[in-house]
Amino acid sequence: QNDMATIRLPLFTYFEATWSDDLSDMSLEVDVNKRFEYILNEWNEGNWTQFMLDEFLEVKSTYSKTLFRLLKQYKTVGKREFNVEEFKTLMNIPKSYSTGMITTRIVENGIRDLQPYFLNLKVKKIKSNKRGTPVIGYEFTFKPESTEKWQEDKYIKKSRFKKPNRKAIEPKWFQEKTSKIKNSNQSPEQTQDIKESIHRFRNS
């Protein structure tokens, strides 16, 4: 005999809107379903990882939504392993579910539901060496999401001003000494003296 079940869980369990005739005073009061309160209340707390909310809402199964959230926490790792008891607790699975039911109804359905959001998503059953090789855990793997490499000067605007052309600010005496070197009439001693002056100026 196959068990059949259907579950519908709205995001808001209570919704009340009030307003005045001229719409100058309006209010909205809502209660969030406890199963989904982390969406609004734990966005940046604990192990919550931000992801595209529209993707999350497209997932229909409640169990697949929870698995989506758990795997997204390891989106840059591409691997997440659970033992069976940990998986039951995190997924809020009834104690009456056997390991076989968890595998077929939750794990395999989750893999199917989340294929569009995790590239090459797979699951491996971790089995014990004991008699009967019972399943003791699940290992989910998928292609890690890459993150942009940090650039130290990414947000530093480059200067629009070029370094001034030193030739444009060379004093008259410098120009005169430079031209003298080009003349062959200077003695070696005078040429050397001029070269040293030019070198000191350029490195000052």
Protein backbone atom coordinates (compact mmCIF):
# COMPACT_ATOMS: atom_id res chain seq x y z
CA GLN A 1 0.00 0.00 0.00
CA ASN A 2 1.40 3.39 -1.02
CA ASP A 3 0.88 6.37 1.26
CA MET A 4 -0.36 9.53 -0.43
CA ALA A 5 -0.04 13.04 0.95
CA THR A 6 -0.23 16.67 -0.09
CA ILE A 7 0.97 19.74 1.80
CA ARG A 8 0.21 23.42 1.21
CA LEU A 9 2.15 25.98 3.22
CA PRO A 10 1.49 29.69 2.61
CA LEU A 11 4.22 32.22 3.43
CA PHE A 12 1.78 34.37 5.45
CA THR A 13 -0.75 32.82 7.85
CA TYR A 14 -2.49 36.10 8.68
CA PHE A 15 -2.96 39.17 6.49
CA GLU A 16 -4.88 42.33 7.47
CA ALA A 17 -4.85 45.68 5.66
CA THR A 18 -6.62 48.80 6.94
CA TRP A 19 -6.89 52.31 5.48
CA SER A 20 -8.78 55.58 5.82
CA ASP A 21 -11.21 56.88 3.20
CA ASP A 22 -8.69 59.37 1.79
CA LEU A 23 -5.84 56.82 1.99
CA SER A 24 -3.81 59.16 4.21
CA ASP A 25 -3.48 56.45 6.85
CA MET A 26 -2.78 52.85 5.83
CA SER A 27 -1.39 49.85 7.68
CA LEU A 28 -0.60 46.23 6.95
CA GLU A 29 -0.27 43.44 9.52
CA VAL A 30 0.94 39.96 8.62
CA ASP A 31 2.01 36.78 10.40
CA VAL A 32 4.79 34.73 8.80
CA ASN A 33 4.54 30.97 8.63
CA LYS A 34 7.01 29.61 11.19
CA ARG A 35 8.52 27.23 8.62
CA PHE A 36 9.56 30.19 6.47
CA GLU A 37 10.33 32.88 9.04
CA TYR A 38 14.08 32.56 8.35
CA ILE A 39 13.46 34.09 4.91
CA LEU A 40 12.63 37.44 6.51
CA ASN A 41 14.16 37.27 9.99
CA GLU A 42 17.49 35.49 9.46
CA TRP A 43 18.61 36.91 6.13
CA ASN A 44 22.07 37.88 7.39
CA GLU A 45 22.34 35.77 10.54
CA GLY A 46 23.81 32.39 11.38
CA ASN A 47 24.48 30.14 8.44
CA TRP A 48 22.05 31.86 6.09
CA THR A 49 23.47 32.39 2.64
CA GLN A 50 21.98 34.97 0.32
CA PHE A 51 20.69 33.73 -3.00
CA MET A 52 18.14 34.72 -5.61
CA LEU A 53 14.75 34.70 -3.86
CA ASP A 54 12.88 34.07 -7.11
CA GLU A 55 14.80 30.80 -7.56
CA PHE A 56 13.92 29.74 -4.04
CA LEU A 57 10.23 30.46 -4.54
CA GLU A 58 10.15 28.48 -7.79
CA VAL A 59 10.95 25.28 -5.88
CA LYS A 60 7.60 23.67 -5.06
CA SER A 61 8.39 21.00 -2.46
CA THR A 62 8.89 22.11 1.15
CA TYR A 63 11.67 19.57 1.62
CA SER A 64 13.36 20.66 -1.60
CA LYS A 65 13.23 24.29 -0.45
CA THR A 66 15.01 23.37 2.77
CA LEU A 67 17.59 21.33 0.89
CA PHE A 68 18.08 24.24 -1.52
CA ARG A 69 18.89 26.53 1.42
CA LEU A 70 21.27 24.02 3.04
CA LEU A 71 23.22 23.38 -0.17
CA LYS A 72 23.45 27.08 -1.07
CA GLN A 73 25.45 27.59 2.11
CA TYR A 74 28.20 25.57 0.40
CA LYS A 75 27.78 27.02 -3.08
CA THR A 76 31.50 27.81 -3.45
CA VAL A 77 32.54 24.42 -2.01
CA GLY A 78 30.34 22.18 -4.13
CA LYS A 79 29.96 19.49 -1.49
CA ARG A 80 27.79 18.91 1.59
CA GLU A 81 27.62 15.73 3.66
CA PHE A 82 24.96 14.78 6.22
CA ASN A 83 24.56 11.80 8.48
CA VAL A 84 21.00 10.45 8.55
CA GLU A 85 20.07 11.82 11.99
CA GLU A 86 21.44 15.28 11.16
CA PHE A 87 19.57 15.22 7.86
CA LYS A 88 16.29 14.30 9.59
CA THR A 89 16.68 17.17 12.05
CA LEU A 90 17.67 19.84 9.52
CA MET A 91 14.97 18.77 7.06
CA ASN A 92 12.33 18.41 9.80
CA ILE A 93 11.53 14.87 8.67
CA PRO A 94 8.99 12.88 10.75
CA LYS A 95 10.54 10.17 12.92
CA SER A 96 8.24 7.63 11.30
CA TYR A 97 10.09 7.99 7.97
CA SER A 98 12.42 5.08 7.27
CA THR A 99 15.76 5.58 5.53
CA GLY A 100 14.27 4.14 2.37
CA MET A 101 11.40 6.65 2.45
CA ILE A 102 13.85 9.51 3.01
CA THR A 103 15.94 8.39 0.05
CA THR A 104 13.07 8.01 -2.43
CA ARG A 105 10.63 10.71 -1.30
CA ILE A 106 12.97 13.46 -0.15
CA VAL A 107 16.52 12.97 -1.43
CA GLU A 108 15.75 11.73 -4.94
CA ASN A 109 12.88 14.20 -5.39
CA GLY A 110 15.15 16.97 -4.11
CA ILE A 111 17.82 16.12 -6.67
CA ARG A 112 15.22 16.30 -9.42
CA ASP A 113 13.71 19.59 -8.17
CA LEU A 114 17.07 21.32 -7.69
CA GLN A 115 18.79 20.27 -10.93
CA PRO A 116 18.05 23.67 -12.56
CA TYR A 117 19.81 25.53 -9.72
CA PHE A 118 22.89 23.37 -9.08
CA LEU A 119 25.07 22.32 -11.99
CA ASN A 120 25.79 18.57 -12.10
CA LEU A 121 23.97 17.96 -8.80
CA LYS A 122 24.40 14.38 -7.56
CA VAL A 123 23.94 12.44 -4.34
CA LYS A 124 25.90 9.49 -3.01
CA LYS A 125 24.49 7.24 -0.30
CA ILE A 126 27.04 6.65 2.47
CA LYS A 127 26.72 3.09 3.73
CA SER A 128 27.95 1.34 6.83
CA ASN A 129 30.19 -1.74 6.75
CA LYS A 130 27.77 -3.49 9.10
CA ARG A 131 25.60 -6.38 8.00
CA GLY A 132 23.08 -5.28 5.42
CA THR A 133 25.14 -2.14 4.61
CA PRO A 134 22.56 0.33 5.96
CA VAL A 135 22.58 3.92 4.71
CA ILE A 136 24.12 6.17 7.36
CA GLY A 137 24.36 9.43 5.42
CA TYR A 138 24.17 11.34 2.16
CA GLU A 139 26.85 13.23 0.25
CA PHE A 140 25.61 15.92 -2.15
CA THR A 141 28.02 17.22 -4.78
CA PHE A 142 27.69 19.86 -7.49
CA LYS A 143 29.86 22.25 -9.46
CA PRO A 144 31.01 25.08 -7.15
CA GLU A 145 29.95 28.61 -8.00
CA SER A 146 32.91 30.83 -8.77
CA THR A 147 33.43 34.15 -7.05
CA GLU A 148 35.06 37.19 -8.59
CA LYS A 149 38.72 37.56 -7.70
CA TRP A 150 39.36 40.54 -5.43
CA GLN A 151 41.24 43.44 -6.96
CA GLU A 152 42.96 45.75 -4.52
CA ASP A 153 42.57 48.87 -6.69
CA LYS A 154 39.20 47.94 -8.18
CA TYR A 155 37.39 50.91 -6.65
CA ILE A 156 40.24 53.42 -6.89
CA LYS A 157 39.74 55.74 -9.81
CA LYS A 158 42.78 56.27 -11.92
CA SER A 159 44.00 59.84 -12.18
CA ARG A 160 42.99 61.64 -15.34
CA PHE A 161 46.10 63.77 -15.15
CA LYS A 162 49.31 62.71 -16.79
CA LYS A 163 52.68 63.28 -15.23
CA PRO A 164 53.99 66.66 -16.32
CA ASN A 165 56.52 66.67 -19.05
CA ARG A 166 59.80 67.59 -17.36
CA LYS A 167 61.02 69.23 -20.53
CA ALA A 168 58.19 71.72 -20.31
CA ILE A 169 59.38 72.96 -16.91
CA GLU A 170 63.12 72.81 -17.46
CA PRO A 171 64.74 76.10 -16.46
CA LYS A 172 66.70 78.16 -18.93
CA TRP A 173 70.10 77.32 -17.39
CA PHE A 174 69.35 73.61 -17.78
CA GLN A 175 68.51 74.04 -21.43
CA GLU A 176 71.72 76.02 -21.97
CA LYS A 177 73.88 73.34 -20.32
CA THR A 178 72.19 70.59 -22.32
CA SER A 179 72.88 72.41 -25.57
CA LYS A 180 76.55 72.91 -24.61
CA ILE A 181 77.04 69.13 -24.36
CA LYS A 182 76.00 68.85 -27.95
CA ASN A 183 78.77 71.26 -28.95
CA SER A 184 82.13 69.64 -29.49
CA ASN A 185 84.01 72.75 -28.31
CA GLN A 186 83.70 71.87 -24.62
CA SER A 187 86.68 70.33 -22.81
CA PRO A 188 86.22 66.87 -21.21
CA GLU A 189 86.30 68.47 -17.75
CA GLN A 190 83.59 71.01 -18.67
CA THR A 191 81.44 68.34 -20.31
CA GLN A 192 81.67 66.12 -17.23
CA ASP A 193 80.75 69.02 -14.96
CA ILE A 194 77.70 69.80 -17.09
CA LYS A 195 76.64 66.15 -17.14
CA GLU A 196 76.82 65.95 -13.35
CA SER A 197 74.68 69.08 -13.02
CA ILE A 198 72.08 67.64 -15.40
CA HIS A 199 72.08 64.34 -13.51
CA ARG A 200 71.53 66.07 -10.15
CA PHE A 201 68.68 68.12 -11.62
CA ARG A 202 66.88 65.16 -13.15
CA ASN A 203 67.09 63.15 -9.93
CA SER A 204 66.14 65.97 -7.62
